[in-house]
Amino acid sequence: MDQLRALKYFISVVETGSFTKAAEKFSVPASSLSRRIADLEKGLGATLLKRTTRVVTLTEIGERYYQQVSSIVQSLEITDESVRTYQSTPMGVLNISSTVGFGEQILLPLLDEFSERYPQITLNVTLSDELTTLAYDQVDIAIRGGYAPDEHVVAIKLMDNRFIAVASPDYLEQQGMPTNALSLRHYQGLYFKTPTGPLPWLCEIQGQWQDISAPAHLITNNTDWLIQKALQGKGILMLPRWALVDKLEAGELVELTLEPAITVTQNPNLGLFLLYQKQRYRVPKLKAAIDFLVARIKTIEESQDKNLANTIYHIE
């Protein structure tokens, strides 16, 4: 019996919850895969899986066995790939997942440049605001906004992701400049929608957090549409500064400076993070992509900060 193959079959059944799905992944009959796992259980003298007509679940000893062998098999696969590509030209399929807004505005143009530099790497890019698990979703690199995750991955902060409030000069001329954070309730809001719902407008007053969100004119996860509505004078918008920098530099949108300061979260440490599994950094295609993206995005952020520092707005 090929024990390594049986272990891979077993791990896949656990992670997909199905013999059929696991068999499809390896392009083998479900009956053949099931026999391999049965032989594995026979050799161990233990039942690893509880099988019913609806679901497949782990036994207690199966849970312990899975935790131990999954990391071993993953390490073997990474080691094999590293050996095969050691001191070679970066090549192969690189799986990248990124948030939609950052992906469309910053990542994709950089990946065009990356592909010219590393033509033997095939990019498989997914833009989604859903959370990603690197190992389970077979993602090499993930770019996510929020906080550094508490999991066994390396998280490199690419740039600040603090949200700012902006509006068009025409809208502010018509409606008047907000006098303070609480006065925002009398304006219209353009809201970015996350997988858990629209991001609220929050501020801290005398040690208490308050929701000071304005009535909604539009709620969507389409950043470009939100910005277009703000440019058309349809309301006040909150997005990360990096998503608005071009419009701020051109004077098409104006940043609102209010007291107390407004935000979309009570946690002040928002950032955009590049995530990867530590042991995979030595794989040439990952190392090339990580080093390239970190360096180029740092350059972009420094350029944006410099340009904004030289921009002065004046609203009557």
C-alpha atoms as a PDB file:
ATOM      1  CA  MET A   1       0.000   0.000   0.000  1.00  0.00           C
ATOM      2  CA  ASP A   2       1.247   3.490  -0.877  1.00  0.00           C
ATOM      3  CA  GLN A   3       0.915   4.998   2.598  1.00  0.00           C
ATOM      4  CA  LEU A   4       1.676   8.575   1.532  1.00  0.00           C
ATOM      5  CA  ARG A   5      -1.082   8.464  -1.078  1.00  0.00           C
ATOM      6  CA  ALA A   6      -3.467   7.029   1.509  1.00  0.00           C
ATOM      7  CA  LEU A   7      -2.572   9.835   3.903  1.00  0.00           C
ATOM      8  CA  LYS A   8      -3.277  12.432   1.211  1.00  0.00           C
ATOM      9  CA  TYR A   9      -6.628  10.774   0.520  1.00  0.00           C
ATOM     10  CA  PHE A  10      -7.456  10.749   4.244  1.00  0.00           C
ATOM     11  CA  ILE A  11      -6.542  14.441   4.682  1.00  0.00           C
ATOM     12  CA  SER A  12      -8.610  15.434   1.660  1.00  0.00           C
ATOM     13  CA  VAL A  13     -11.678  13.554   2.945  1.00  0.00           C
ATOM     14  CA  VAL A  14     -11.358  15.337   6.293  1.00  0.00           C
ATOM     15  CA  GLU A  15     -11.006  18.776   4.687  1.00  0.00           C
ATOM     16  CA  THR A  16     -13.775  18.334   2.111  1.00  0.00           C
ATOM     17  CA  GLY A  17     -16.068  16.273   4.356  1.00  0.00           C
ATOM     18  CA  SER A  18     -16.778  13.923   1.472  1.00  0.00           C
ATOM     19  CA  PHE A  19     -15.276  10.836  -0.172  1.00  0.00           C
ATOM     20  CA  THR A  20     -16.772  11.945  -3.488  1.00  0.00           C
ATOM     21  CA  LYS A  21     -15.227  15.426  -3.411  1.00  0.00           C
ATOM     22  CA  ALA A  22     -11.873  14.036  -2.333  1.00  0.00           C
ATOM     23  CA  ALA A  23     -11.961  11.496  -5.160  1.00  0.00           C
ATOM     24  CA  GLU A  24     -12.761  14.250  -7.669  1.00  0.00           C
ATOM     25  CA  LYS A  25      -9.747  16.218  -6.444  1.00  0.00           C
ATOM     26  CA  PHE A  26      -7.415  13.292  -7.228  1.00  0.00           C
ATOM     27  CA  SER A  27      -9.365  12.104 -10.317  1.00  0.00           C
ATOM     28  CA  VAL A  28      -9.845   8.593  -8.906  1.00  0.00           C
ATOM     29  CA  PRO A  29     -12.991   6.540  -8.259  1.00  0.00           C
ATOM     30  CA  ALA A  30     -14.526   7.137  -4.835  1.00  0.00           C
ATOM     31  CA  SER A  31     -14.505   3.387  -4.230  1.00  0.00           C
ATOM     32  CA  SER A  32     -10.749   3.213  -4.830  1.00  0.00           C
ATOM     33  CA  LEU A  33     -10.094   6.127  -2.491  1.00  0.00           C
ATOM     34  CA  SER A  34     -12.323   4.567   0.173  1.00  0.00           C
ATOM     35  CA  ARG A  35     -10.430   1.252  -0.046  1.00  0.00           C
ATOM     36  CA  ARG A  36      -7.090   3.044   0.380  1.00  0.00           C
ATOM     37  CA  ILE A  37      -8.308   4.718   3.571  1.00  0.00           C
ATOM     38  CA  ALA A  38      -9.800   1.436   4.831  1.00  0.00           C
ATOM     39  CA  ASP A  39      -6.399  -0.217   4.296  1.00  0.00           C
ATOM     40  CA  LEU A  40      -4.779   2.654   6.208  1.00  0.00           C
ATOM     41  CA  GLU A  41      -7.168   2.131   9.132  1.00  0.00           C
ATOM     42  CA  LYS A  42      -6.542  -1.612   9.041  1.00  0.00           C
ATOM     43  CA  GLY A  43      -2.794  -1.084   9.151  1.00  0.00           C
ATOM     44  CA  LEU A  44      -3.147   1.276  12.109  1.00  0.00           C
ATOM     45  CA  GLY A  45      -5.657  -0.923  13.897  1.00  0.00           C
ATOM     46  CA  ALA A  46      -7.886   2.101  14.469  1.00  0.00           C
ATOM     47  CA  THR A  47     -11.025   3.671  13.009  1.00  0.00           C
ATOM     48  CA  LEU A  48     -10.238   7.178  11.854  1.00  0.00           C
ATOM     49  CA  LEU A  49     -13.509   8.176  10.207  1.00  0.00           C
ATOM     50  CA  LYS A  50     -17.171   7.792  11.118  1.00  0.00           C
ATOM     51  CA  ARG A  51     -19.129   7.205   7.914  1.00  0.00           C
ATOM     52  CA  THR A  52     -22.852   7.875   7.468  1.00  0.00           C
ATOM     53  CA  THR A  53     -24.987   8.315   4.373  1.00  0.00           C
ATOM     54  CA  ARG A  54     -24.856  12.103   4.831  1.00  0.00           C
ATOM     55  CA  VAL A  55     -21.549  13.123   6.372  1.00  0.00           C
ATOM     56  CA  VAL A  56     -18.055  11.914   7.183  1.00  0.00           C
ATOM     57  CA  THR A  57     -16.615  12.940  10.556  1.00  0.00           C
ATOM     58  CA  LEU A  58     -13.481  12.151  12.526  1.00  0.00           C
ATOM     59  CA  THR A  59     -13.326   9.815  15.481  1.00  0.00           C
ATOM     60  CA  GLU A  60     -11.455  11.004  18.542  1.00  0.00           C
ATOM     61  CA  ILE A  61      -8.283   9.143  17.554  1.00  0.00           C
ATOM     62  CA  GLY A  62      -8.879  10.237  13.948  1.00  0.00           C
ATOM     63  CA  GLU A  63      -8.799  13.883  15.039  1.00  0.00           C
ATOM     64  CA  ARG A  64      -5.448  13.394  16.774  1.00  0.00           C
ATOM     65  CA  TYR A  65      -4.056  11.502  13.804  1.00  0.00           C
ATOM     66  CA  TYR A  66      -5.209  14.180  11.352  1.00  0.00           C
ATOM     67  CA  GLN A  67      -3.557  16.984  13.347  1.00  0.00           C
ATOM     68  CA  GLN A  68      -0.257  15.105  13.302  1.00  0.00           C
ATOM     69  CA  VAL A  69      -0.129  13.791   9.731  1.00  0.00           C
ATOM     70  CA  SER A  70      -1.551  16.872   7.947  1.00  0.00           C
ATOM     71  CA  SER A  71       1.413  19.014   8.974  1.00  0.00           C
ATOM     72  CA  ILE A  72       3.841  16.209   8.094  1.00  0.00           C
ATOM     73  CA  VAL A  73       2.391  15.716   4.602  1.00  0.00           C
ATOM     74  CA  GLN A  74       2.334  19.471   3.992  1.00  0.00           C
ATOM     75  CA  SER A  75       5.981  19.744   5.020  1.00  0.00           C
ATOM     76  CA  LEU A  76       6.887  16.878   2.674  1.00  0.00           C
ATOM     77  CA  GLU A  77       5.122  18.573  -0.238  1.00  0.00           C
ATOM     78  CA  ILE A  78       6.820  21.897   0.452  1.00  0.00           C
ATOM     79  CA  THR A  79      10.214  20.201   0.786  1.00  0.00           C
ATOM     80  CA  ASP A  80       9.720  18.320  -2.476  1.00  0.00           C
ATOM     81  CA  GLU A  81       8.787  21.524  -4.299  1.00  0.00           C
ATOM     82  CA  SER A  82      11.724  23.392  -2.793  1.00  0.00           C
ATOM     83  CA  VAL A  83      14.167  20.672  -3.841  1.00  0.00           C
ATOM     84  CA  ARG A  84      12.783  20.557  -7.377  1.00  0.00           C
ATOM     85  CA  THR A  85      13.071  24.296  -7.796  1.00  0.00           C
ATOM     86  CA  TYR A  86      16.205  24.954  -5.722  1.00  0.00           C
ATOM     87  CA  GLN A  87      18.406  27.581  -7.401  1.00  0.00           C
ATOM     88  CA  SER A  88      16.160  27.478 -10.458  1.00  0.00           C
ATOM     89  CA  THR A  89      14.254  30.181 -12.293  1.00  0.00           C
ATOM     90  CA  PRO A  90      10.984  31.035 -10.477  1.00  0.00           C
ATOM     91  CA  MET A  91       8.265  29.116 -12.272  1.00  0.00           C
ATOM     92  CA  GLY A  92       4.945  27.369 -11.872  1.00  0.00           C
ATOM     93  CA  VAL A  93       1.457  28.476 -10.856  1.00  0.00           C
ATOM     94  CA  LEU A  94       1.246  31.205  -8.210  1.00  0.00           C
ATOM     95  CA  ASN A  95      -2.121  31.433  -6.437  1.00  0.00           C
ATOM     96  CA  ILE A  96      -2.910  34.934  -5.145  1.00  0.00           C
ATOM     97  CA  SER A  97      -6.032  36.140  -3.353  1.00  0.00           C
ATOM     98  CA  SER A  98      -6.672  39.839  -2.713  1.00  0.00           C
ATOM     99  CA  THR A  99      -9.426  42.160  -1.588  1.00  0.00           C
ATOM    100  CA  VAL A 100     -11.338  43.563  -4.548  1.00  0.00           C
ATOM    101  CA  GLY A 101     -10.607  47.281  -4.198  1.00  0.00           C
ATOM    102  CA  PHE A 102      -6.894  46.928  -3.528  1.00  0.00           C
ATOM    103  CA  GLY A 103      -6.616  44.255  -6.187  1.00  0.00           C
ATOM    104  CA  GLU A 104      -8.184  46.336  -8.926  1.00  0.00           C
ATOM    105  CA  GLN A 105      -6.488  49.625  -8.073  1.00  0.00           C
ATOM    106  CA  ILE A 106      -2.982  48.606  -7.030  1.00  0.00           C
ATOM    107  CA  LEU A 107      -2.285  44.861  -7.257  1.00  0.00           C
ATOM    108  CA  LEU A 108      -3.271  44.026 -10.841  1.00  0.00           C
ATOM    109  CA  PRO A 109      -1.114  46.754 -12.444  1.00  0.00           C
ATOM    110  CA  LEU A 110       1.821  45.537 -10.353  1.00  0.00           C
ATOM    111  CA  LEU A 111       1.212  41.942 -11.427  1.00  0.00           C
ATOM    112  CA  ASP A 112       1.443  43.011 -15.079  1.00  0.00           C
ATOM    113  CA  GLU A 113       4.930  44.292 -14.300  1.00  0.00           C
ATOM    114  CA  PHE A 114       5.712  41.144 -12.302  1.00  0.00           C
ATOM    115  CA  SER A 115       4.689  38.875 -15.207  1.00  0.00           C
ATOM    116  CA  GLU A 116       7.055  40.694 -17.554  1.00  0.00           C
ATOM    117  CA  ARG A 117       9.877  40.130 -15.091  1.00  0.00           C
ATOM    118  CA  TYR A 118       9.009  36.459 -14.390  1.00  0.00           C
ATOM    119  CA  PRO A 119       7.401  35.068 -17.563  1.00  0.00           C
ATOM    120  CA  GLN A 120       7.627  31.446 -16.384  1.00  0.00           C
ATOM    121  CA  ILE A 121       5.266  32.090 -13.467  1.00  0.00           C
ATOM    122  CA  THR A 122       1.568  31.590 -14.249  1.00  0.00           C
ATOM    123  CA  LEU A 123      -0.628  33.860 -12.147  1.00  0.00           C
ATOM    124  CA  ASN A 124      -3.911  32.519 -10.750  1.00  0.00           C
ATOM    125  CA  VAL A 125      -5.509  35.588  -9.158  1.00  0.00           C
ATOM    126  CA  THR A 126      -8.791  35.784  -7.252  1.00  0.00           C
ATOM    127  CA  LEU A 127     -10.290  39.079  -6.070  1.00  0.00           C
ATOM    128  CA  SER A 128     -12.693  38.633  -3.185  1.00  0.00           C
ATOM    129  CA  ASP A 129     -13.488  40.303   0.121  1.00  0.00           C
ATOM    130  CA  GLU A 130     -14.277  36.937   1.722  1.00  0.00           C
ATOM    131  CA  LEU A 131     -11.816  35.619   4.281  1.00  0.00           C
ATOM    132  CA  THR A 132      -9.172  33.200   2.998  1.00  0.00           C
ATOM    133  CA  THR A 133      -7.500  30.264   4.729  1.00  0.00           C
ATOM    134  CA  LEU A 134      -4.134  29.791   3.026  1.00  0.00           C
ATOM    135  CA  ALA A 135      -3.765  26.037   3.449  1.00  0.00           C
ATOM    136  CA  TYR A 136      -7.388  25.023   2.937  1.00  0.00           C
ATOM    137  CA  ASP A 137      -8.042  27.340  -0.019  1.00  0.00           C
ATOM    138  CA  GLN A 138      -4.673  26.470  -1.631  1.00  0.00           C
ATOM    139  CA  VAL A 139      -3.607  30.118  -1.701  1.00  0.00           C
ATOM    140  CA  ASP A 140       0.096  30.981  -1.835  1.00  0.00           C
ATOM    141  CA  ILE A 141      -0.275  34.690  -1.073  1.00  0.00           C
ATOM    142  CA  ALA A 142      -3.283  36.521   0.370  1.00  0.00           C
ATOM    143  CA  ILE A 143      -3.704  40.282   0.727  1.00  0.00           C
ATOM    144  CA  ARG A 144      -6.269  41.263   3.307  1.00  0.00           C
ATOM    145  CA  GLY A 145      -7.347  44.400   5.128  1.00  0.00           C
ATOM    146  CA  GLY A 146      -7.953  44.512   8.853  1.00  0.00           C
ATOM    147  CA  TYR A 147      -5.602  43.408  11.607  1.00  0.00           C
ATOM    148  CA  ALA A 148      -2.646  41.029  11.608  1.00  0.00           C
ATOM    149  CA  PRO A 149      -4.274  37.577  11.882  1.00  0.00           C
ATOM    150  CA  ASP A 150      -3.733  35.395  14.909  1.00  0.00           C
ATOM    151  CA  GLU A 151      -2.745  32.276  13.010  1.00  0.00           C
ATOM    152  CA  HIS A 152       0.347  30.420  11.902  1.00  0.00           C
ATOM    153  CA  VAL A 153       1.186  32.652   8.947  1.00  0.00           C
ATOM    154  CA  VAL A 154       3.577  35.502   8.281  1.00  0.00           C
ATOM    155  CA  ALA A 155       1.783  38.865   8.030  1.00  0.00           C
ATOM    156  CA  ILE A 156       3.683  41.742   6.393  1.00  0.00           C
ATOM    157  CA  LYS A 157       1.987  45.132   6.703  1.00  0.00           C
ATOM    158  CA  LEU A 158       1.955  46.657   3.225  1.00  0.00           C
ATOM    159  CA  MET A 159       0.360  49.985   4.088  1.00  0.00           C
ATOM    160  CA  ASP A 160      -2.001  51.748   6.426  1.00  0.00           C
ATOM    161  CA  ASN A 161      -5.691  51.031   5.822  1.00  0.00           C
ATOM    162  CA  ARG A 162      -7.243  53.812   7.899  1.00  0.00           C
ATOM    163  CA  PHE A 163     -10.537  55.065   6.492  1.00  0.00           C
ATOM    164  CA  ILE A 164     -11.028  58.797   5.913  1.00  0.00           C
ATOM    165  CA  ALA A 165     -14.171  60.833   5.214  1.00  0.00           C
ATOM    166  CA  VAL A 166     -14.340  62.727   1.919  1.00  0.00           C
ATOM    167  CA  ALA A 167     -16.851  64.620  -0.173  1.00  0.00           C
ATOM    168  CA  SER A 168     -16.860  66.643  -3.375  1.00  0.00           C
ATOM    169  CA  PRO A 169     -16.333  70.427  -3.197  1.00  0.00           C
ATOM    170  CA  ASP A 170     -19.767  70.933  -4.833  1.00  0.00           C
ATOM    171  CA  TYR A 171     -21.504  68.805  -2.211  1.00  0.00           C
ATOM    172  CA  LEU A 172     -19.828  70.706   0.622  1.00  0.00           C
ATOM    173  CA  GLU A 173     -20.705  74.030  -0.998  1.00  0.00           C
ATOM    174  CA  GLN A 174     -24.366  73.026  -1.280  1.00  0.00           C
ATOM    175  CA  GLN A 175     -24.748  71.303   2.088  1.00  0.00           C
ATOM    176  CA  GLY A 176     -22.173  73.223   4.100  1.00  0.00           C
ATOM    177  CA  MET A 177     -19.044  71.943   5.811  1.00  0.00           C
ATOM    178  CA  PRO A 178     -19.863  69.596   8.748  1.00  0.00           C
ATOM    179  CA  THR A 179     -19.125  71.406  11.996  1.00  0.00           C
ATOM    180  CA  ASN A 180     -18.412  68.253  14.041  1.00  0.00           C
ATOM    181  CA  ALA A 181     -18.753  64.474  13.940  1.00  0.00           C
ATOM    182  CA  LEU A 182     -22.317  64.460  15.305  1.00  0.00           C
ATOM    183  CA  SER A 183     -23.476  66.808  12.540  1.00  0.00           C
ATOM    184  CA  LEU A 184     -22.771  64.060   9.959  1.00  0.00           C
ATOM    185  CA  ARG A 185     -26.174  62.577  10.768  1.00  0.00           C
ATOM    186  CA  HIS A 186     -27.723  65.425   8.774  1.00  0.00           C
ATOM    187  CA  TYR A 187     -25.865  64.494   5.565  1.00  0.00           C
ATOM    188  CA  GLN A 188     -26.097  61.541   3.151  1.00  0.00           C
ATOM    189  CA  GLY A 189     -23.726  58.577   3.383  1.00  0.00           C
ATOM    190  CA  LEU A 190     -22.021  56.379   0.795  1.00  0.00           C
ATOM    191  CA  TYR A 191     -21.163  53.092   2.511  1.00  0.00           C
ATOM    192  CA  PHE A 192     -18.681  50.353   1.663  1.00  0.00           C
ATOM    193  CA  LYS A 193     -20.218  46.916   2.190  1.00  0.00           C
ATOM    194  CA  THR A 194     -18.072  44.134   3.674  1.00  0.00           C
ATOM    195  CA  PRO A 195     -19.064  40.427   3.898  1.00  0.00           C
ATOM    196  CA  THR A 196     -20.473  41.245   7.368  1.00  0.00           C
ATOM    197  CA  GLY A 197     -22.377  44.357   6.300  1.00  0.00           C
ATOM    198  CA  PRO A 198     -21.829  48.086   5.615  1.00  0.00           C
ATOM    199  CA  LEU A 199     -19.073  49.793   7.589  1.00  0.00           C
ATOM    200  CA  PRO A 200     -20.547  52.238  10.127  1.00  0.00           C
ATOM    201  CA  TRP A 201     -19.268  55.704  10.980  1.00  0.00           C
ATOM    202  CA  LEU A 202     -18.046  55.732  14.575  1.00  0.00           C
ATOM    203  CA  CYS A 203     -16.565  58.249  16.973  1.00  0.00           C
ATOM    204  CA  GLU A 204     -15.567  58.226  20.635  1.00  0.00           C
ATOM    205  CA  ILE A 205     -17.252  60.850  22.797  1.00  0.00           C
ATOM    206  CA  GLN A 206     -16.382  61.101  26.504  1.00  0.00           C
ATOM    207  CA  GLY A 207     -15.057  57.541  26.483  1.00  0.00           C
ATOM    208  CA  GLN A 208     -18.145  56.077  24.790  1.00  0.00           C
ATOM    209  CA  TRP A 209     -18.269  54.875  21.186  1.00  0.00           C
ATOM    210  CA  GLN A 210     -21.214  56.201  19.186  1.00  0.00           C
ATOM    211  CA  ASP A 211     -22.569  55.363  15.750  1.00  0.00           C
ATOM    212  CA  ILE A 212     -22.942  58.676  13.930  1.00  0.00           C
ATOM    213  CA  SER A 213     -23.762  57.210  10.503  1.00  0.00           C
ATOM    214  CA  ALA A 214     -25.707  59.401   8.108  1.00  0.00           C
ATOM    215  CA  PRO A 215     -28.764  58.128   6.204  1.00  0.00           C
ATOM    216  CA  ALA A 216     -27.534  55.895   3.382  1.00  0.00           C
ATOM    217  CA  HIS A 217     -27.703  57.002  -0.242  1.00  0.00           C
ATOM    218  CA  LEU A 218     -25.774  53.939  -1.487  1.00  0.00           C
ATOM    219  CA  ILE A 219     -24.379  50.717   0.017  1.00  0.00           C
ATOM    220  CA  THR A 220     -22.101  48.557  -2.150  1.00  0.00           C
ATOM    221  CA  ASN A 221     -18.777  46.718  -2.232  1.00  0.00           C
ATOM    222  CA  ASN A 222     -17.953  48.342  -5.579  1.00  0.00           C
ATOM    223  CA  THR A 223     -15.347  50.969  -4.717  1.00  0.00           C
ATOM    224  CA  ASP A 224     -15.387  52.638  -8.142  1.00  0.00           C
ATOM    225  CA  TRP A 225     -19.159  53.165  -7.994  1.00  0.00           C
ATOM    226  CA  LEU A 226     -18.920  54.685  -4.518  1.00  0.00           C
ATOM    227  CA  ILE A 227     -16.223  57.098  -5.650  1.00  0.00           C
ATOM    228  CA  GLN A 228     -18.245  58.092  -8.725  1.00  0.00           C
ATOM    229  CA  LYS A 229     -21.243  58.864  -6.515  1.00  0.00           C
ATOM    230  CA  ALA A 230     -19.045  60.986  -4.249  1.00  0.00           C
ATOM    231  CA  LEU A 231     -17.710  62.872  -7.281  1.00  0.00           C
ATOM    232  CA  GLN A 232     -21.299  63.471  -8.385  1.00  0.00           C
ATOM    233  CA  GLY A 233     -22.058  65.108  -5.038  1.00  0.00           C
ATOM    234  CA  LYS A 234     -24.331  62.371  -3.720  1.00  0.00           C
ATOM    235  CA  GLY A 235     -22.934  62.292  -0.189  1.00  0.00           C
ATOM    236  CA  ILE A 236     -20.030  61.743   2.173  1.00  0.00           C
ATOM    237  CA  LEU A 237     -17.829  58.690   1.614  1.00  0.00           C
ATOM    238  CA  MET A 238     -15.437  56.794   3.860  1.00  0.00           C
ATOM    239  CA  LEU A 239     -12.749  54.675   2.213  1.00  0.00           C
ATOM    240  CA  PRO A 240      -9.044  53.996   2.830  1.00  0.00           C
ATOM    241  CA  ARG A 241      -6.775  56.882   1.849  1.00  0.00           C
ATOM    242  CA  TRP A 242      -4.931  54.764  -0.761  1.00  0.00           C
ATOM    243  CA  ALA A 243      -8.211  54.277  -2.660  1.00  0.00           C
ATOM    244  CA  LEU A 244      -8.841  58.040  -2.809  1.00  0.00           C
ATOM    245  CA  VAL A 245      -5.383  59.508  -3.266  1.00  0.00           C
ATOM    246  CA  ASP A 246      -5.762  60.355  -6.972  1.00  0.00           C
ATOM    247  CA  LYS A 247      -9.019  62.228  -6.377  1.00  0.00           C
ATOM    248  CA  LEU A 248      -7.564  64.049  -3.377  1.00  0.00           C
ATOM    249  CA  GLU A 249      -4.492  65.130  -5.319  1.00  0.00           C
ATOM    250  CA  ALA A 250      -6.687  66.409  -8.149  1.00  0.00           C
ATOM    251  CA  GLY A 251      -8.914  68.324  -5.731  1.00  0.00           C
ATOM    252  CA  GLU A 252     -11.986  66.395  -6.926  1.00  0.00           C
ATOM    253  CA  LEU A 253     -12.605  65.167  -3.385  1.00  0.00           C
ATOM    254  CA  VAL A 254     -11.839  66.879  -0.093  1.00  0.00           C
ATOM    255  CA  GLU A 255     -10.877  65.156   3.150  1.00  0.00           C
ATOM    256  CA  LEU A 256     -13.032  66.160   6.130  1.00  0.00           C
ATOM    257  CA  THR A 257     -11.203  66.914   9.361  1.00  0.00           C
ATOM    258  CA  LEU A 258     -13.700  66.582  12.204  1.00  0.00           C
ATOM    259  CA  GLU A 259     -13.698  66.541  15.976  1.00  0.00           C
ATOM    260  CA  PRO A 260     -13.916  64.055  17.436  1.00  0.00           C
ATOM    261  CA  ALA A 261     -12.219  61.951  14.760  1.00  0.00           C
ATOM    262  CA  ILE A 262     -14.415  59.452  12.920  1.00  0.00           C
ATOM    263  CA  THR A 263     -13.519  55.910  11.985  1.00  0.00           C
ATOM    264  CA  VAL A 264     -15.109  52.602  10.919  1.00  0.00           C
ATOM    265  CA  THR A 265     -13.752  50.512  13.796  1.00  0.00           C
ATOM    266  CA  GLN A 266     -12.802  50.846  17.437  1.00  0.00           C
ATOM    267  CA  ASN A 267      -9.430  49.235  16.689  1.00  0.00           C
ATOM    268  CA  PRO A 268      -6.885  51.868  15.549  1.00  0.00           C
ATOM    269  CA  ASN A 269      -4.416  49.418  13.968  1.00  0.00           C
ATOM    270  CA  LEU A 270      -6.011  48.846  10.567  1.00  0.00           C
ATOM    271  CA  GLY A 271      -3.644  47.782   7.833  1.00  0.00           C
ATOM    272  CA  LEU A 272      -3.309  45.944   4.556  1.00  0.00           C
ATOM    273  CA  PHE A 273      -1.359  42.735   5.104  1.00  0.00           C
ATOM    274  CA  LEU A 274       0.379  40.294   2.801  1.00  0.00           C
ATOM    275  CA  LEU A 275      -0.032  36.800   4.231  1.00  0.00           C
ATOM    276  CA  TYR A 276       1.892  33.618   3.465  1.00  0.00           C
ATOM    277  CA  GLN A 277       2.978  30.418   5.172  1.00  0.00           C
ATOM    278  CA  LYS A 278       6.448  30.882   6.643  1.00  0.00           C
ATOM    279  CA  GLN A 279       7.894  27.608   5.401  1.00  0.00           C
ATOM    280  CA  ARG A 280       6.945  28.399   1.798  1.00  0.00           C
ATOM    281  CA  TYR A 281       9.083  31.534   1.516  1.00  0.00           C
ATOM    282  CA  ARG A 282      12.016  29.450   0.281  1.00  0.00           C
ATOM    283  CA  VAL A 283      10.004  28.365  -2.788  1.00  0.00           C
ATOM    284  CA  PRO A 284      11.447  30.575  -5.587  1.00  0.00           C
ATOM    285  CA  LYS A 285       8.140  31.686  -7.130  1.00  0.00           C
ATOM    286  CA  LEU A 286       6.806  32.800  -3.721  1.00  0.00           C
ATOM    287  CA  LYS A 287      10.019  34.523  -2.683  1.00  0.00           C
ATOM    288  CA  ALA A 288      10.113  36.429  -5.978  1.00  0.00           C
ATOM    289  CA  ALA A 289       6.493  37.564  -5.639  1.00  0.00           C
ATOM    290  CA  ILE A 290       6.693  38.495  -1.944  1.00  0.00           C
ATOM    291  CA  ASP A 291       9.915  40.498  -2.329  1.00  0.00           C
ATOM    292  CA  PHE A 292       8.600  42.250  -5.443  1.00  0.00           C
ATOM    293  CA  LEU A 293       5.191  43.206  -4.013  1.00  0.00           C
ATOM    294  CA  VAL A 294       6.507  44.391  -0.647  1.00  0.00           C
ATOM    295  CA  ALA A 295       9.136  46.613  -2.277  1.00  0.00           C
ATOM    296  CA  ARG A 296       6.864  48.059  -4.972  1.00  0.00           C
ATOM    297  CA  ILE A 297       3.914  48.759  -2.666  1.00  0.00           C
ATOM    298  CA  LYS A 298       6.211  50.504  -0.185  1.00  0.00           C
ATOM    299  CA  THR A 299       7.390  52.752  -3.017  1.00  0.00           C
ATOM    300  CA  ILE A 300       3.788  53.507  -4.017  1.00  0.00           C
ATOM    301  CA  GLU A 301       2.798  54.415  -0.443  1.00  0.00           C
ATOM    302  CA  GLU A 302       5.796  56.725  -0.028  1.00  0.00           C
ATOM    303  CA  SER A 303       4.963  58.461  -3.318  1.00  0.00           C
ATOM    304  CA  GLN A 304       1.313  58.918  -2.331  1.00  0.00           C
ATOM    305  CA  ASP A 305       2.242  60.390   1.056  1.00  0.00           C
ATOM    306  CA  LYS A 306       4.675  62.823  -0.572  1.00  0.00           C
ATOM    307  CA  ASN A 307       2.161  63.995  -3.171  1.00  0.00           C
ATOM    308  CA  LEU A 308      -0.609  64.501  -0.621  1.00  0.00           C
ATOM    309  CA  ALA A 309       1.709  66.449   1.657  1.00  0.00           C
ATOM    310  CA  ASN A 310       2.215  68.949  -1.187  1.00  0.00           C
ATOM    311  CA  THR A 311      -1.530  69.290  -1.885  1.00  0.00           C
ATOM    312  CA  ILE A 312      -3.479  72.173  -0.296  1.00  0.00           C
ATOM    313  CA  TYR A 313      -7.281  72.439  -0.337  1.00  0.00           C
ATOM    314  CA  HIS A 314      -9.368  75.517   0.271  1.00  0.00           C
ATOM    315  CA  ILE A 315     -13.142  75.311   0.629  1.00  0.00           C
ATOM    316  CA  GLU A 316     -15.238  78.425   1.101  1.00  0.00           C
END
